[in-house]
Amino acid sequence: MQFIERMQQHTTMITLDGGEYFDTIDALSRRGMTGAVIYDALILARARKVRAERIYTWNLRHFRAVAPDLAAKIMTPAE
């Protein structure tokens, strides 16, 4: 909880509305992607919504598979 509280002080919460949430899951479903990758897709939908310049993750393979159009912006924190 301490970590989450500290992060909340330095970040802005980005939310998806019901339609954005549905569209994200629907698009994955149509591509045959299911399971935990949905969480990655929802994170990427938020990044897309705010036009993020960089998207940091330790899970490059999944993130780039979900959003190949954002691949150049997806990197590890070490990069």
N, C-alpha and C. Protein backbone atom coordinates (compact mmCIF):
# COMPACT_ATOMS: atom_id res chain seq x y z
N MET A 1 0.81 -1.19 0.00
CA MET A 1 0.00 0.00 0.00
C MET A 1 0.86 1.25 0.00
N GLN A 2 1.99 1.21 0.68
CA GLN A 2 2.84 2.39 0.71
C GLN A 2 3.32 2.75 -0.69
N PHE A 3 3.69 1.73 -1.47
CA PHE A 3 4.13 1.97 -2.84
C PHE A 3 3.01 2.60 -3.66
N ILE A 4 1.82 2.05 -3.55
CA ILE A 4 0.67 2.57 -4.31
C ILE A 4 0.36 4.01 -3.89
N GLU A 5 0.42 4.28 -2.60
CA GLU A 5 0.16 5.64 -2.13
C GLU A 5 1.20 6.61 -2.67
N ARG A 6 2.47 6.21 -2.71
CA ARG A 6 3.52 7.07 -3.26
C ARG A 6 3.32 7.29 -4.76
N MET A 7 2.96 6.24 -5.47
CA MET A 7 2.73 6.35 -6.90
C MET A 7 1.56 7.29 -7.19
N GLN A 8 0.54 7.20 -6.38
CA GLN A 8 -0.65 8.04 -6.57
C GLN A 8 -0.30 9.52 -6.45
N GLN A 9 0.68 9.85 -5.65
CA GLN A 9 1.09 11.24 -5.47
C GLN A 9 1.82 11.78 -6.71
N HIS A 10 2.38 10.89 -7.53
CA HIS A 10 3.21 11.32 -8.65
C HIS A 10 2.65 10.96 -10.02
N THR A 11 1.45 10.43 -10.05
CA THR A 11 0.88 10.01 -11.32
C THR A 11 -0.56 10.52 -11.46
N THR A 12 -1.05 10.42 -12.66
CA THR A 12 -2.44 10.77 -12.94
C THR A 12 -3.17 9.50 -13.33
N MET A 13 -4.30 9.25 -12.73
CA MET A 13 -5.09 8.07 -13.04
C MET A 13 -5.78 8.26 -14.39
N ILE A 14 -5.57 7.32 -15.28
CA ILE A 14 -6.23 7.34 -16.59
C ILE A 14 -7.25 6.22 -16.59
N THR A 15 -8.49 6.56 -16.90
CA THR A 15 -9.55 5.56 -16.92
C THR A 15 -10.11 5.40 -18.33
N LEU A 16 -10.71 4.27 -18.54
CA LEU A 16 -11.42 3.99 -19.78
C LEU A 16 -12.91 4.03 -19.48
N ASP A 17 -13.68 4.54 -20.40
CA ASP A 17 -15.13 4.47 -20.20
C ASP A 17 -15.61 3.08 -20.64
N GLY A 18 -16.86 2.82 -20.44
CA GLY A 18 -17.40 1.49 -20.75
C GLY A 18 -17.18 1.08 -22.19
N GLY A 19 -17.38 2.01 -23.12
CA GLY A 19 -17.19 1.71 -24.53
C GLY A 19 -15.75 1.39 -24.87
N GLU A 20 -14.82 2.16 -24.31
CA GLU A 20 -13.39 1.91 -24.56
C GLU A 20 -12.97 0.56 -23.99
N TYR A 21 -13.49 0.25 -22.82
CA TYR A 21 -13.20 -1.03 -22.18
C TYR A 21 -13.71 -2.18 -23.05
N PHE A 22 -14.97 -2.07 -23.47
CA PHE A 22 -15.57 -3.10 -24.31
C PHE A 22 -14.81 -3.24 -25.63
N ASP A 23 -14.52 -2.12 -26.29
CA ASP A 23 -13.83 -2.16 -27.58
C ASP A 23 -12.46 -2.82 -27.48
N THR A 24 -11.75 -2.56 -26.39
CA THR A 24 -10.44 -3.16 -26.19
C THR A 24 -10.54 -4.68 -26.08
N ILE A 25 -11.46 -5.14 -25.26
CA ILE A 25 -11.62 -6.59 -25.07
C ILE A 25 -12.18 -7.23 -26.33
N ASP A 26 -13.09 -6.56 -27.01
CA ASP A 26 -13.65 -7.08 -28.25
C ASP A 26 -12.57 -7.25 -29.31
N ALA A 27 -11.70 -6.25 -29.45
CA ALA A 27 -10.62 -6.32 -30.44
C ALA A 27 -9.69 -7.49 -30.15
N LEU A 28 -9.38 -7.72 -28.89
CA LEU A 28 -8.53 -8.86 -28.52
C LEU A 28 -9.21 -10.17 -28.85
N SER A 29 -10.47 -10.25 -28.50
CA SER A 29 -11.24 -11.46 -28.75
C SER A 29 -11.24 -11.81 -30.23
N ARG A 30 -11.42 -10.82 -31.06
CA ARG A 30 -11.44 -11.04 -32.51
C ARG A 30 -10.08 -11.53 -33.03
N ARG A 31 -9.02 -11.21 -32.30
CA ARG A 31 -7.68 -11.67 -32.68
C ARG A 31 -7.32 -13.00 -32.01
N GLY A 32 -8.27 -13.55 -31.25
CA GLY A 32 -8.03 -14.83 -30.59
C GLY A 32 -7.16 -14.72 -29.34
N MET A 33 -7.05 -13.52 -28.80
CA MET A 33 -6.22 -13.30 -27.61
C MET A 33 -7.13 -13.28 -26.39
N THR A 34 -6.79 -14.11 -25.42
CA THR A 34 -7.61 -14.21 -24.21
C THR A 34 -6.69 -14.31 -22.99
N GLY A 35 -7.30 -14.29 -21.83
CA GLY A 35 -6.55 -14.49 -20.60
C GLY A 35 -5.91 -13.22 -20.09
N ALA A 36 -4.78 -13.39 -19.42
CA ALA A 36 -4.12 -12.28 -18.74
C ALA A 36 -3.65 -11.18 -19.69
N VAL A 37 -3.51 -11.49 -20.97
CA VAL A 37 -3.09 -10.47 -21.94
C VAL A 37 -4.12 -9.32 -22.00
N ILE A 38 -5.32 -9.57 -21.53
CA ILE A 38 -6.35 -8.52 -21.49
C ILE A 38 -5.88 -7.36 -20.61
N TYR A 39 -5.21 -7.67 -19.50
CA TYR A 39 -4.71 -6.61 -18.62
C TYR A 39 -3.68 -5.75 -19.35
N ASP A 40 -2.80 -6.39 -20.12
CA ASP A 40 -1.83 -5.64 -20.92
C ASP A 40 -2.53 -4.74 -21.91
N ALA A 41 -3.55 -5.27 -22.55
CA ALA A 41 -4.30 -4.49 -23.55
C ALA A 41 -4.99 -3.29 -22.92
N LEU A 42 -5.50 -3.45 -21.72
CA LEU A 42 -6.17 -2.33 -21.04
C LEU A 42 -5.16 -1.25 -20.65
N ILE A 43 -3.97 -1.66 -20.25
CA ILE A 43 -2.91 -0.69 -19.97
C ILE A 43 -2.55 0.06 -21.25
N LEU A 44 -2.41 -0.68 -22.34
CA LEU A 44 -2.05 -0.06 -23.61
C LEU A 44 -3.17 0.84 -24.14
N ALA A 45 -4.40 0.49 -23.88
CA ALA A 45 -5.51 1.35 -24.29
C ALA A 45 -5.43 2.69 -23.57
N ARG A 46 -5.05 2.66 -22.31
CA ARG A 46 -4.89 3.91 -21.57
C ARG A 46 -3.71 4.72 -22.12
N ALA A 47 -2.62 4.04 -22.43
CA ALA A 47 -1.46 4.72 -23.00
C ALA A 47 -1.81 5.35 -24.34
N ARG A 48 -2.57 4.63 -25.14
CA ARG A 48 -3.01 5.14 -26.44
C ARG A 48 -3.91 6.37 -26.25
N LYS A 49 -4.78 6.30 -25.25
CA LYS A 49 -5.74 7.38 -24.98
C LYS A 49 -5.03 8.70 -24.68
N VAL A 50 -3.93 8.64 -23.96
CA VAL A 50 -3.21 9.87 -23.61
C VAL A 50 -2.03 10.15 -24.55
N ARG A 51 -1.93 9.33 -25.59
CA ARG A 51 -0.84 9.48 -26.57
C ARG A 51 0.52 9.45 -25.89
N ALA A 52 0.72 8.42 -25.08
CA ALA A 52 1.99 8.28 -24.34
C ALA A 52 3.17 8.25 -25.30
N GLU A 53 4.23 8.90 -24.90
CA GLU A 53 5.45 8.90 -25.70
C GLU A 53 6.27 7.65 -25.48
N ARG A 54 6.19 7.11 -24.25
CA ARG A 54 6.91 5.89 -23.89
C ARG A 54 6.00 5.03 -23.02
N ILE A 55 6.16 3.72 -23.18
CA ILE A 55 5.39 2.77 -22.39
C ILE A 55 6.40 1.78 -21.81
N TYR A 56 6.52 1.77 -20.49
CA TYR A 56 7.50 0.92 -19.84
C TYR A 56 6.86 -0.36 -19.31
N THR A 57 7.55 -1.47 -19.56
CA THR A 57 7.10 -2.77 -19.07
C THR A 57 8.28 -3.72 -19.05
N TRP A 58 8.19 -4.75 -18.24
CA TRP A 58 9.17 -5.84 -18.28
C TRP A 58 8.64 -6.95 -19.18
N ASN A 59 7.44 -6.78 -19.71
CA ASN A 59 6.79 -7.80 -20.52
C ASN A 59 6.70 -7.34 -21.98
N LEU A 60 7.84 -7.09 -22.59
CA LEU A 60 7.88 -6.57 -23.96
C LEU A 60 7.13 -7.44 -24.95
N ARG A 61 7.34 -8.74 -24.86
CA ARG A 61 6.75 -9.65 -25.84
C ARG A 61 5.23 -9.53 -25.88
N HIS A 62 4.59 -9.57 -24.72
CA HIS A 62 3.12 -9.48 -24.69
C HIS A 62 2.63 -8.10 -25.13
N PHE A 63 3.26 -7.06 -24.62
CA PHE A 63 2.81 -5.71 -24.97
C PHE A 63 2.94 -5.45 -26.46
N ARG A 64 4.06 -5.86 -27.05
CA ARG A 64 4.25 -5.64 -28.48
C ARG A 64 3.33 -6.51 -29.32
N ALA A 65 2.98 -7.69 -28.82
CA ALA A 65 2.04 -8.55 -29.54
C ALA A 65 0.64 -7.95 -29.52
N VAL A 66 0.27 -7.35 -28.40
CA VAL A 66 -1.05 -6.73 -28.27
C VAL A 66 -1.15 -5.47 -29.12
N ALA A 67 -0.08 -4.68 -29.15
CA ALA A 67 -0.13 -3.39 -29.83
C ALA A 67 1.10 -3.19 -30.72
N PRO A 68 1.18 -3.93 -31.82
CA PRO A 68 2.35 -3.78 -32.70
C PRO A 68 2.52 -2.35 -33.21
N ASP A 69 1.43 -1.60 -33.31
CA ASP A 69 1.52 -0.21 -33.76
C ASP A 69 2.24 0.68 -32.75
N LEU A 70 2.34 0.24 -31.51
CA LEU A 70 3.02 1.00 -30.48
C LEU A 70 4.40 0.43 -30.14
N ALA A 71 4.84 -0.57 -30.88
CA ALA A 71 6.07 -1.30 -30.55
C ALA A 71 7.27 -0.39 -30.33
N ALA A 72 7.41 0.66 -31.12
CA ALA A 72 8.56 1.56 -30.98
C ALA A 72 8.54 2.33 -29.68
N LYS A 73 7.38 2.46 -29.07
CA LYS A 73 7.24 3.21 -27.81
C LYS A 73 7.34 2.30 -26.58
N ILE A 74 7.28 1.00 -26.79
CA ILE A 74 7.27 0.04 -25.71
C ILE A 74 8.70 -0.39 -25.39
N MET A 75 9.12 -0.18 -24.14
CA MET A 75 10.49 -0.50 -23.75
C MET A 75 10.55 -0.90 -22.28
N THR A 76 11.67 -1.46 -21.90
CA THR A 76 11.85 -1.79 -20.48
C THR A 76 12.33 -0.54 -19.76
N PRO A 77 12.14 -0.48 -18.44
CA PRO A 77 12.63 0.67 -17.69
C PRO A 77 14.15 0.84 -17.81
N ALA A 78 14.86 -0.22 -18.12
CA ALA A 78 16.32 -0.16 -18.24
C ALA A 78 16.78 0.49 -19.55
N GLU A 79 15.90 0.63 -20.52
CA GLU A 79 16.29 1.19 -21.82
C GLU A 79 16.36 2.70 -21.79
